C-alpha atoms as a PDB file:
ATOM      1  CA  UNK A   1      90.580  85.415  81.066  1.00  0.00           C
ATOM      2  CA  UNK A   2      92.734  88.446  81.706  1.00  0.00           C
ATOM      3  CA  UNK A   3      92.828  87.409  85.361  1.00  0.00           C
ATOM      4  CA  UNK A   4      89.038  87.361  85.678  1.00  0.00           C
ATOM      5  CA  UNK A   5      86.857  84.317  86.318  1.00  0.00           C
ATOM      6  CA  UNK A   6      84.518  83.293  83.499  1.00  0.00           C
ATOM      7  CA  UNK A   7      81.624  80.830  83.349  1.00  0.00           C
ATOM      8  CA  UNK A   8      80.589  78.974  80.206  1.00  0.00           C
ATOM      9  CA  UNK A   9      78.159  76.225  79.377  1.00  0.00           C
ATOM     10  CA  UNK A  10      79.956  72.900  79.703  1.00  0.00           C
ATOM     11  CA  UNK A  11      78.839  71.526  76.331  1.00  0.00           C
ATOM     12  CA  UNK A  12      80.810  72.124  73.138  1.00  0.00           C
ATOM     13  CA  UNK A  13      78.447  73.008  70.260  1.00  0.00           C
ATOM     14  CA  UNK A  14      80.301  70.667  67.907  1.00  0.00           C
ATOM     15  CA  UNK A  15      79.692  67.167  69.251  1.00  0.00           C
ATOM     16  CA  UNK A  16      78.934  67.683  72.895  1.00  0.00           C
ATOM     17  CA  UNK A  17      82.407  67.493  74.417  1.00  0.00           C
ATOM     18  CA  UNK A  18      82.778  68.460  78.096  1.00  0.00           C
ATOM     19  CA  UNK A  19      84.626  71.778  78.179  1.00  0.00           C
ATOM     20  CA  UNK A  20      85.292  71.298  81.900  1.00  0.00           C
ATOM     21  CA  UNK A  21      87.590  68.421  80.959  1.00  0.00           C
ATOM     22  CA  UNK A  22      89.488  70.534  78.438  1.00  0.00           C
ATOM     23  CA  UNK A  23      92.657  72.616  78.651  1.00  0.00           C
ATOM     24  CA  UNK A  24      93.240  76.328  79.147  1.00  0.00           C
ATOM     25  CA  UNK A  25      94.973  77.705  76.065  1.00  0.00           C
ATOM     26  CA  UNK A  26      95.843  81.361  76.519  1.00  0.00           C
ATOM     27  CA  UNK A  27      92.544  83.079  77.288  1.00  0.00           C
ATOM     28  CA  UNK A  28      90.507  80.208  75.837  1.00  0.00           C
ATOM     29  CA  UNK A  29      89.167  76.836  76.952  1.00  0.00           C
ATOM     30  CA  UNK A  30      89.948  74.001  74.535  1.00  0.00           C
ATOM     31  CA  UNK A  31      87.469  71.167  74.079  1.00  0.00           C
ATOM     32  CA  UNK A  32      89.119  67.777  74.733  1.00  0.00           C
ATOM     33  CA  UNK A  33      87.217  66.109  71.878  1.00  0.00           C
ATOM     34  CA  UNK A  34      88.283  68.023  68.743  1.00  0.00           C
ATOM     35  CA  UNK A  35      90.261  70.994  70.084  1.00  0.00           C
ATOM     36  CA  UNK A  36      87.703  73.703  69.472  1.00  0.00           C
ATOM     37  CA  UNK A  37      88.605  76.780  71.527  1.00  0.00           C
ATOM     38  CA  UNK A  38      86.207  79.253  73.158  1.00  0.00           C
ATOM     39  CA  UNK A  39      86.807  82.673  74.683  1.00  0.00           C
ATOM     40  CA  UNK A  40      85.492  83.712  78.078  1.00  0.00           C
ATOM     41  CA  UNK A  41      82.542  85.327  76.296  1.00  0.00           C
ATOM     42  CA  UNK A  42      81.624  81.991  74.711  1.00  0.00           C
ATOM     43  CA  UNK A  43      82.725  82.815  71.171  1.00  0.00           C
ATOM     44  CA  UNK A  44      84.495  80.057  69.261  1.00  0.00           C
ATOM     45  CA  UNK A  45      88.056  81.204  68.550  1.00  0.00           C
ATOM     46  CA  UNK A  46      89.563  78.203  66.741  1.00  0.00           C
ATOM     47  CA  UNK A  47      88.399  75.086  64.887  1.00  0.00           C
ATOM     48  CA  UNK A  48      91.547  73.061  64.159  1.00  0.00           C
ATOM     49  CA  UNK A  49      89.997  70.853  61.475  1.00  0.00           C
ATOM     50  CA  UNK A  50      89.298  73.949  59.325  1.00  0.00           C
ATOM     51  CA  UNK A  51      92.909  75.066  59.380  1.00  0.00           C
ATOM     52  CA  UNK A  52      94.689  78.015  60.978  1.00  0.00           C
ATOM     53  CA  UNK A  53      93.260  80.681  58.626  1.00  0.00           C
ATOM     54  CA  UNK A  54      89.647  79.572  58.626  1.00  0.00           C
ATOM     55  CA  UNK A  55      86.818  82.038  59.194  1.00  0.00           C
ATOM     56  CA  UNK A  56      84.927  80.906  62.273  1.00  0.00           C
ATOM     57  CA  UNK A  57      81.122  80.805  61.830  1.00  0.00           C
ATOM     58  CA  UNK A  58      79.372  83.225  64.192  1.00  0.00           C
ATOM     59  CA  UNK A  59      76.886  80.689  65.522  1.00  0.00           C
ATOM     60  CA  UNK A  60      79.630  78.423  66.871  1.00  0.00           C
ATOM     61  CA  UNK A  61      79.400  79.815  70.376  1.00  0.00           C
ATOM     62  CA  UNK A  62      78.452  78.481  73.792  1.00  0.00           C
ATOM     63  CA  UNK A  63      76.400  80.250  76.426  1.00  0.00           C
ATOM     64  CA  UNK A  64      78.350  82.526  78.788  1.00  0.00           C
ATOM     65  CA  UNK A  65      77.038  83.592  82.186  1.00  0.00           C
ATOM     66  CA  UNK A  66      77.615  86.696  84.343  1.00  0.00           C
ATOM     67  CA  UNK A  67      80.210  86.221  87.074  1.00  0.00           C
ATOM     68  CA  UNK A  68      80.931  88.084  90.305  1.00  0.00           C
ATOM     69  CA  UNK A  69      83.955  87.551  92.544  1.00  0.00           C
ATOM     70  CA  UNK A  70      83.081  88.545  96.110  1.00  0.00           C
ATOM     71  CA  UNK A  71      83.867  87.419  99.674  1.00  0.00           C
ATOM     72  CA  UNK A  72      86.542  85.050  98.348  1.00  0.00           C
ATOM     73  CA  UNK A  73      83.942  83.126  96.317  1.00  0.00           C
ATOM     74  CA  UNK A  74      83.157  83.115  92.593  1.00  0.00           C
ATOM     75  CA  UNK A  75      79.419  83.465  91.899  1.00  0.00           C
ATOM     76  CA  UNK A  76      77.717  82.821  88.554  1.00  0.00           C
ATOM     77  CA  UNK A  77      74.139  83.570  87.532  1.00  0.00           C
ATOM     78  CA  UNK A  78      72.897  80.804  85.241  1.00  0.00           C
ATOM     79  CA  UNK A  79      69.626  82.433  84.264  1.00  0.00           C
ATOM     80  CA  UNK A  80      68.848  84.898  81.496  1.00  0.00           C
ATOM     81  CA  UNK A  81      67.326  87.773  83.488  1.00  0.00           C
ATOM     82  CA  UNK A  82      68.766  91.278  83.127  1.00  0.00           C
ATOM     83  CA  UNK A  83      70.843  92.406  86.104  1.00  0.00           C
ATOM     84  CA  UNK A  84      68.130  94.612  87.626  1.00  0.00           C
ATOM     85  CA  UNK A  85      65.680  91.671  87.719  1.00  0.00           C
ATOM     86  CA  UNK A  86      67.948  89.022  89.231  1.00  0.00           C
ATOM     87  CA  UNK A  87      67.357  87.744  92.778  1.00  0.00           C
ATOM     88  CA  UNK A  88      69.635  89.267  95.425  1.00  0.00           C
ATOM     89  CA  UNK A  89      72.818  87.634  96.591  1.00  0.00           C
ATOM     90  CA  UNK A  90      73.305  87.219 100.334  1.00  0.00           C
ATOM     91  CA  UNK A  91      75.546  90.017 101.591  1.00  0.00           C
ATOM     92  CA  UNK A  92      78.165  89.791 104.372  1.00  0.00           C
ATOM     93  CA  UNK A  93      78.011  93.245 105.972  1.00  0.00           C
ATOM     94  CA  UNK A  94      80.938  92.680 108.392  1.00  0.00           C
ATOM     95  CA  UNK A  95      83.301  91.193 105.793  1.00  0.00           C
ATOM     96  CA  UNK A  96      85.472  94.321 105.464  1.00  0.00           C
ATOM     97  CA  UNK A  97      85.275  95.219 109.157  1.00  0.00           C
ATOM     98  CA  UNK A  98      88.683  94.870 110.843  1.00  0.00           C
ATOM     99  CA  UNK A  99      86.969  93.727 114.042  1.00  0.00           C
ATOM    100  CA  UNK A 100      85.956  90.501 112.300  1.00  0.00           C
ATOM    101  CA  UNK A 101      88.102  87.699 110.881  1.00  0.00           C
ATOM    102  CA  UNK A 102      87.042  85.450 107.980  1.00  0.00           C
ATOM    103  CA  UNK A 103      87.851  81.821 107.238  1.00  0.00           C
ATOM    104  CA  UNK A 104      86.598  79.637 104.390  1.00  0.00           C
ATOM    105  CA  UNK A 105      85.555  76.025 103.917  1.00  0.00           C
ATOM    106  CA  UNK A 106      84.461  74.412 100.642  1.00  0.00           C
ATOM    107  CA  UNK A 107      83.104  70.884 100.374  1.00  0.00           C
ATOM    108  CA  UNK A 108      81.027  68.697  98.088  1.00  0.00           C
ATOM    109  CA  UNK A 109      78.451  66.818 100.124  1.00  0.00           C
ATOM    110  CA  UNK A 110      76.488  63.675  99.115  1.00  0.00           C
ATOM    111  CA  UNK A 111      72.949  64.910  99.677  1.00  0.00           C
ATOM    112  CA  UNK A 112      70.317  67.175  98.167  1.00  0.00           C
ATOM    113  CA  UNK A 113      70.814  70.884  98.786  1.00  0.00           C
ATOM    114  CA  UNK A 114      67.285  71.270 100.196  1.00  0.00           C
ATOM    115  CA  UNK A 115      68.099  68.758 102.942  1.00  0.00           C
ATOM    116  CA  UNK A 116      71.213  70.792 103.726  1.00  0.00           C
ATOM    117  CA  UNK A 117      69.219  74.034 104.006  1.00  0.00           C
ATOM    118  CA  UNK A 118      66.665  72.297 106.225  1.00  0.00           C
ATOM    119  CA  UNK A 119      69.484  71.178 108.495  1.00  0.00           C
ATOM    120  CA  UNK A 120      70.859  74.677 108.864  1.00  0.00           C
ATOM    121  CA  UNK A 121      67.416  76.052 109.699  1.00  0.00           C
ATOM    122  CA  UNK A 122      66.656  73.304 112.222  1.00  0.00           C
ATOM    123  CA  UNK A 123      67.021  74.486 115.847  1.00  0.00           C
ATOM    124  CA  UNK A 124      66.198  71.050 117.286  1.00  0.00           C
ATOM    125  CA  UNK A 125      69.004  68.970 115.782  1.00  0.00           C
ATOM    126  CA  UNK A 126      71.830  70.685 117.682  1.00  0.00           C
ATOM    127  CA  UNK A 127      70.905  68.984 120.949  1.00  0.00           C
ATOM    128  CA  UNK A 128      71.379  65.521 119.438  1.00  0.00           C
ATOM    129  CA  UNK A 129      73.863  65.913 116.573  1.00  0.00           C
ATOM    130  CA  UNK A 130      76.351  68.419 118.017  1.00  0.00           C
ATOM    131  CA  UNK A 131      77.632  67.678 121.550  1.00  0.00           C
ATOM    132  CA  UNK A 132      79.424  71.028 121.732  1.00  0.00           C
ATOM    133  CA  UNK A 133      76.093  72.831 121.235  1.00  0.00           C
ATOM    134  CA  UNK A 134      73.845  70.773 123.512  1.00  0.00           C
ATOM    135  CA  UNK A 135      73.681  67.888 125.932  1.00  0.00           C
ATOM    136  CA  UNK A 136      73.331  64.926 123.512  1.00  0.00           C
ATOM    137  CA  UNK A 137      69.720  64.424 124.507  1.00  0.00           C
ATOM    138  CA  UNK A 138      70.561  63.777 128.183  1.00  0.00           C
ATOM    139  CA  UNK A 139      68.774  66.881 129.457  1.00  0.00           C
ATOM    140  CA  UNK A 140      65.314  65.632 130.491  1.00  0.00           C
ATOM    141  CA  UNK A 141      63.966  69.197 130.493  1.00  0.00           C
ATOM    142  CA  UNK A 142      65.051  69.930 126.918  1.00  0.00           C
ATOM    143  CA  UNK A 143      62.600  71.583 124.549  1.00  0.00           C
ATOM    144  CA  UNK A 144      62.795  74.124 121.733  1.00  0.00           C
ATOM    145  CA  UNK A 145      61.496  77.449 122.961  1.00  0.00           C
ATOM    146  CA  UNK A 146      59.639  80.103 121.059  1.00  0.00           C
ATOM    147  CA  UNK A 147      61.122  81.192 117.751  1.00  0.00           C
ATOM    148  CA  UNK A 148      61.427  84.920 117.089  1.00  0.00           C
ATOM    149  CA  UNK A 149      60.831  85.299 113.372  1.00  0.00           C
ATOM    150  CA  UNK A 150      62.840  87.810 111.316  1.00  0.00           C
ATOM    151  CA  UNK A 151      63.271  88.615 107.625  1.00  0.00           C
ATOM    152  CA  UNK A 152      61.405  90.607 105.007  1.00  0.00           C
ATOM    153  CA  UNK A 153      59.231  87.669 103.959  1.00  0.00           C
ATOM    154  CA  UNK A 154      60.107  88.094 100.273  1.00  0.00           C
ATOM    155  CA  UNK A 155      63.464  86.420  99.788  1.00  0.00           C
ATOM    156  CA  UNK A 156      63.553  84.194 102.849  1.00  0.00           C
ATOM    157  CA  UNK A 157      62.523  83.716 106.460  1.00  0.00           C
ATOM    158  CA  UNK A 158      64.743  83.681 109.522  1.00  0.00           C
ATOM    159  CA  UNK A 159      64.496  83.222 113.258  1.00  0.00           C
ATOM    160  CA  UNK A 160      66.317  83.586 116.574  1.00  0.00           C
ATOM    161  CA  UNK A 161      65.830  81.532 119.712  1.00  0.00           C
ATOM    162  CA  UNK A 162      67.490  80.956 123.089  1.00  0.00           C
ATOM    163  CA  UNK A 163      68.577  77.622 124.496  1.00  0.00           C
ATOM    164  CA  UNK A 164      70.653  76.015 127.238  1.00  0.00           C
ATOM    165  CA  UNK A 165      74.226  75.339 126.131  1.00  0.00           C
ATOM    166  CA  UNK A 166      77.297  73.814 127.804  1.00  0.00           C
ATOM    167  CA  UNK A 167      80.695  75.534 128.022  1.00  0.00           C
ATOM    168  CA  UNK A 168      83.267  75.030 125.295  1.00  0.00           C
ATOM    169  CA  UNK A 169      85.367  71.893 125.520  1.00  0.00           C
ATOM    170  CA  UNK A 170      88.780  73.600 125.696  1.00  0.00           C
ATOM    171  CA  UNK A 171      90.164  76.448 127.789  1.00  0.00           C
ATOM    172  CA  UNK A 172      90.922  78.456 124.649  1.00  0.00           C
ATOM    173  CA  UNK A 173      87.362  78.237 123.353  1.00  0.00           C
ATOM    174  CA  UNK A 174      85.961  78.945 126.831  1.00  0.00           C
ATOM    175  CA  UNK A 175      87.335  82.465 126.410  1.00  0.00           C
ATOM    176  CA  UNK A 176      84.448  82.822 123.962  1.00  0.00           C
ATOM    177  CA  UNK A 177      81.839  80.267 125.043  1.00  0.00           C
ATOM    178  CA  UNK A 178      80.972  79.747 128.697  1.00  0.00           C
ATOM    179  CA  UNK A 179      77.959  77.720 129.806  1.00  0.00           C
ATOM    180  CA  UNK A 180      74.699  79.559 129.327  1.00  0.00           C
ATOM    181  CA  UNK A 181      71.034  78.970 130.088  1.00  0.00           C
ATOM    182  CA  UNK A 182      70.067  81.525 127.448  1.00  0.00           C
ATOM    183  CA  UNK A 183      72.423  81.206 124.490  1.00  0.00           C
ATOM    184  CA  UNK A 184      71.000  82.984 121.447  1.00  0.00           C
ATOM    185  CA  UNK A 185      71.362  81.777 117.887  1.00  0.00           C
ATOM    186  CA  UNK A 186      69.442  82.130 114.661  1.00  0.00           C
ATOM    187  CA  UNK A 187      69.380  81.188 111.000  1.00  0.00           C
ATOM    188  CA  UNK A 188      67.675  82.362 107.850  1.00  0.00           C
ATOM    189  CA  UNK A 189      67.768  82.153 104.085  1.00  0.00           C
ATOM    190  CA  UNK A 190      68.138  84.490 101.140  1.00  0.00           C
ATOM    191  CA  UNK A 191      66.513  82.766  98.194  1.00  0.00           C
ATOM    192  CA  UNK A 192      66.481  78.965  98.034  1.00  0.00           C
ATOM    193  CA  UNK A 193      70.157  78.234  98.662  1.00  0.00           C
ATOM    194  CA  UNK A 194      71.900  81.049 100.563  1.00  0.00           C
ATOM    195  CA  UNK A 195      71.778  80.735 104.354  1.00  0.00           C
ATOM    196  CA  UNK A 196      73.096  82.703 107.347  1.00  0.00           C
ATOM    197  CA  UNK A 197      73.611  81.499 110.924  1.00  0.00           C
ATOM    198  CA  UNK A 198      74.438  83.838 113.817  1.00  0.00           C
ATOM    199  CA  UNK A 199      75.659  82.468 117.157  1.00  0.00           C
ATOM    200  CA  UNK A 200      75.792  84.965 120.013  1.00  0.00           C
ATOM    201  CA  UNK A 201      77.968  83.469 122.739  1.00  0.00           C
ATOM    202  CA  UNK A 202      77.793  86.500 125.025  1.00  0.00           C
ATOM    203  CA  UNK A 203      77.419  90.281 124.653  1.00  0.00           C
ATOM    204  CA  UNK A 204      79.999  91.347 122.064  1.00  0.00           C
ATOM    205  CA  UNK A 205      81.084  87.752 121.312  1.00  0.00           C
ATOM    206  CA  UNK A 206      79.679  86.216 118.157  1.00  0.00           C
ATOM    207  CA  UNK A 207      80.240  83.979 115.159  1.00  0.00           C
ATOM    208  CA  UNK A 208      78.460  84.665 111.868  1.00  0.00           C
ATOM    209  CA  UNK A 209      78.349  81.980 109.207  1.00  0.00           C
ATOM    210  CA  UNK A 210      77.289  82.421 105.580  1.00  0.00           C
ATOM    211  CA  UNK A 211      76.636  79.372 103.412  1.00  0.00           C
ATOM    212  CA  UNK A 212      76.319  79.541  99.642  1.00  0.00           C
ATOM    213  CA  UNK A 213      75.029  76.181  98.405  1.00  0.00           C
ATOM    214  CA  UNK A 214      75.322  75.225  94.738  1.00  0.00           C
ATOM    215  CA  UNK A 215      73.307  72.139  93.699  1.00  0.00           C
ATOM    216  CA  UNK A 216      75.315  69.744  91.541  1.00  0.00           C
ATOM    217  CA  UNK A 217      72.532  67.230  90.949  1.00  0.00           C
ATOM    218  CA  UNK A 218      69.697  65.683  92.930  1.00  0.00           C
ATOM    219  CA  UNK A 219      72.066  63.908  95.307  1.00  0.00           C
ATOM    220  CA  UNK A 220      75.039  66.256  95.647  1.00  0.00           C
ATOM    221  CA  UNK A 221      75.717  69.854  96.613  1.00  0.00           C
ATOM    222  CA  UNK A 222      78.774  72.119  96.551  1.00  0.00           C
ATOM    223  CA  UNK A 223      78.882  74.180  99.762  1.00  0.00           C
ATOM    224  CA  UNK A 224      80.889  77.342 100.361  1.00  0.00           C
ATOM    225  CA  UNK A 225      81.080  78.457 103.999  1.00  0.00           C
ATOM    226  CA  UNK A 226      82.377  81.924 104.858  1.00  0.00           C
ATOM    227  CA  UNK A 227      82.830  82.078 108.640  1.00  0.00           C
ATOM    228  CA  UNK A 228      83.208  85.416 110.454  1.00  0.00           C
ATOM    229  CA  UNK A 229      84.233  85.771 114.106  1.00  0.00           C
ATOM    230  CA  UNK A 230      84.868  88.795 116.318  1.00  0.00           C
ATOM    231  CA  UNK A 231      86.815  86.888 119.008  1.00  0.00           C
ATOM    232  CA  UNK A 232      90.187  85.085 118.737  1.00  0.00           C
ATOM    233  CA  UNK A 233      90.769  87.028 115.524  1.00  0.00           C
ATOM    234  CA  UNK A 234      94.524  86.477 115.292  1.00  0.00           C
ATOM    235  CA  UNK A 235      95.345  84.762 111.968  1.00  0.00           C
ATOM    236  CA  UNK A 236      97.101  81.946 113.823  1.00  0.00           C
ATOM    237  CA  UNK A 237      93.687  80.918 115.209  1.00  0.00           C
ATOM    238  CA  UNK A 238      92.243  80.334 111.732  1.00  0.00           C
ATOM    239  CA  UNK A 239      93.091  76.631 111.659  1.00  0.00           C
ATOM    240  CA  UNK A 240      91.609  76.128 115.108  1.00  0.00           C
ATOM    241  CA  UNK A 241      88.361  77.734 113.936  1.00  0.00           C
ATOM    242  CA  UNK A 242      88.251  75.668 110.757  1.00  0.00           C
ATOM    243  CA  UNK A 243      88.968  72.477 112.703  1.00  0.00           C
ATOM    244  CA  UNK A 244      86.001  73.214 114.951  1.00  0.00           C
ATOM    245  CA  UNK A 245      83.760  73.907 111.966  1.00  0.00           C
ATOM    246  CA  UNK A 246      84.899  70.702 110.253  1.00  0.00           C
ATOM    247  CA  UNK A 247      83.964  68.760 113.375  1.00  0.00           C
ATOM    248  CA  UNK A 248      80.441  70.184 113.249  1.00  0.00           C
ATOM    249  CA  UNK A 249      80.192  69.620 109.484  1.00  0.00           C
ATOM    250  CA  UNK A 250      81.276  65.993 109.883  1.00  0.00           C
ATOM    251  CA  UNK A 251      78.547  65.417 112.463  1.00  0.00           C
ATOM    252  CA  UNK A 252      75.929  66.781 110.070  1.00  0.00           C
ATOM    253  CA  UNK A 253      77.326  64.765 107.148  1.00  0.00           C
ATOM    254  CA  UNK A 254      76.931  61.528 109.102  1.00  0.00           C
ATOM    255  CA  UNK A 255      73.187  62.168 109.486  1.00  0.00           C
ATOM    256  CA  UNK A 256      72.285  63.920 106.229  1.00  0.00           C
ATOM    257  CA  UNK A 257      74.004  61.365 103.990  1.00  0.00           C
ATOM    258  CA  UNK A 258      71.574  58.681 105.256  1.00  0.00           C
ATOM    259  CA  UNK A 259      68.251  60.546 105.082  1.00  0.00           C
ATOM    260  CA  UNK A 260      65.316  58.891 103.342  1.00  0.00           C
ATOM    261  CA  UNK A 261      63.831  60.117 101.127  1.00  0.00           C
ATOM    262  CA  UNK A 262      66.919  61.880  99.865  1.00  0.00           C
ATOM    263  CA  UNK A 263      64.868  64.754  98.419  1.00  0.00           C
ATOM    264  CA  UNK A 264      62.559  66.904 100.512  1.00  0.00           C
ATOM    265  CA  UNK A 265      58.944  65.763  99.949  1.00  0.00           C
ATOM    266  CA  UNK A 266      56.837  68.248  97.941  1.00  0.00           C
ATOM    267  CA  UNK A 267      54.293  68.633 100.762  1.00  0.00           C
ATOM    268  CA  UNK A 268      54.469  68.557 104.548  1.00  0.00           C
ATOM    269  CA  UNK A 269      51.980  65.676 104.627  1.00  0.00           C
ATOM    270  CA  UNK A 270      54.806  63.237 103.876  1.00  0.00           C
ATOM    271  CA  UNK A 271      56.774  64.104 107.029  1.00  0.00           C
ATOM    272  CA  UNK A 272      55.275  64.947 110.425  1.00  0.00           C
ATOM    273  CA  UNK A 273      56.165  68.504 111.416  1.00  0.00           C
ATOM    274  CA  UNK A 274      56.270  70.152 114.860  1.00  0.00           C
ATOM    275  CA  UNK A 275      56.501  73.849 115.872  1.00  0.00           C
ATOM    276  CA  UNK A 276      60.329  73.779 115.762  1.00  0.00           C
ATOM    277  CA  UNK A 277      60.055  73.041 112.009  1.00  0.00           C
ATOM    278  CA  UNK A 278      58.047  76.107 111.089  1.00  0.00           C
END
């Protein structure tokens, strides 16, 4: 409303209509069931069956949630904590730095968000899932080295490690990524569903990825990726960068969509863990 994003509960207080399936009427959302209209603050503005001059009862409102537009993404807090008690949102410190260039990807993926976070934090899967990161399991000497842990320990852990990595597959990308026996990369979380990944190709050459994952239900997640790079930053390279990221995403989708069980077990006793999983 007024050019600002708003977030309301999806359920009309009348007879449970889905407001998400309704129409925007002025600065209101109109329920598709009986035409009740709600403002961005959740207050009912019109009840057609009562007539155009009816007084609207004060309790005919739906819940409204605080919204923040930042980094090209709309965030909503669905809890009821006051602002000073809410968990932190993952920041992107280089977002406004002219030496970095941002691109965005949004997708809905058919798996549980916890499995997606596990994937992003997993240093061992790159060797087998992503040919451009590793050697597809053909390196007989492959192993995950020591993990250097980072993070404040309150809102989420993180790590960095080094690994052997092949050169990029095209001449253009090889300007950024040559073969290396000591490529450094790391990942970490802020809260349960915000995750960062830093890839350091060489001194002064890096890609920083920030994923904001919004669970839809037990088997689906809405993922927002904000990708920052400090090489090949011309806008005409944006599609090339997104194409590369889509390739990597597609490789992960092929594996994650077939995991069993689909939800992360509640204890580690249900899946055998190794040091790379810590």
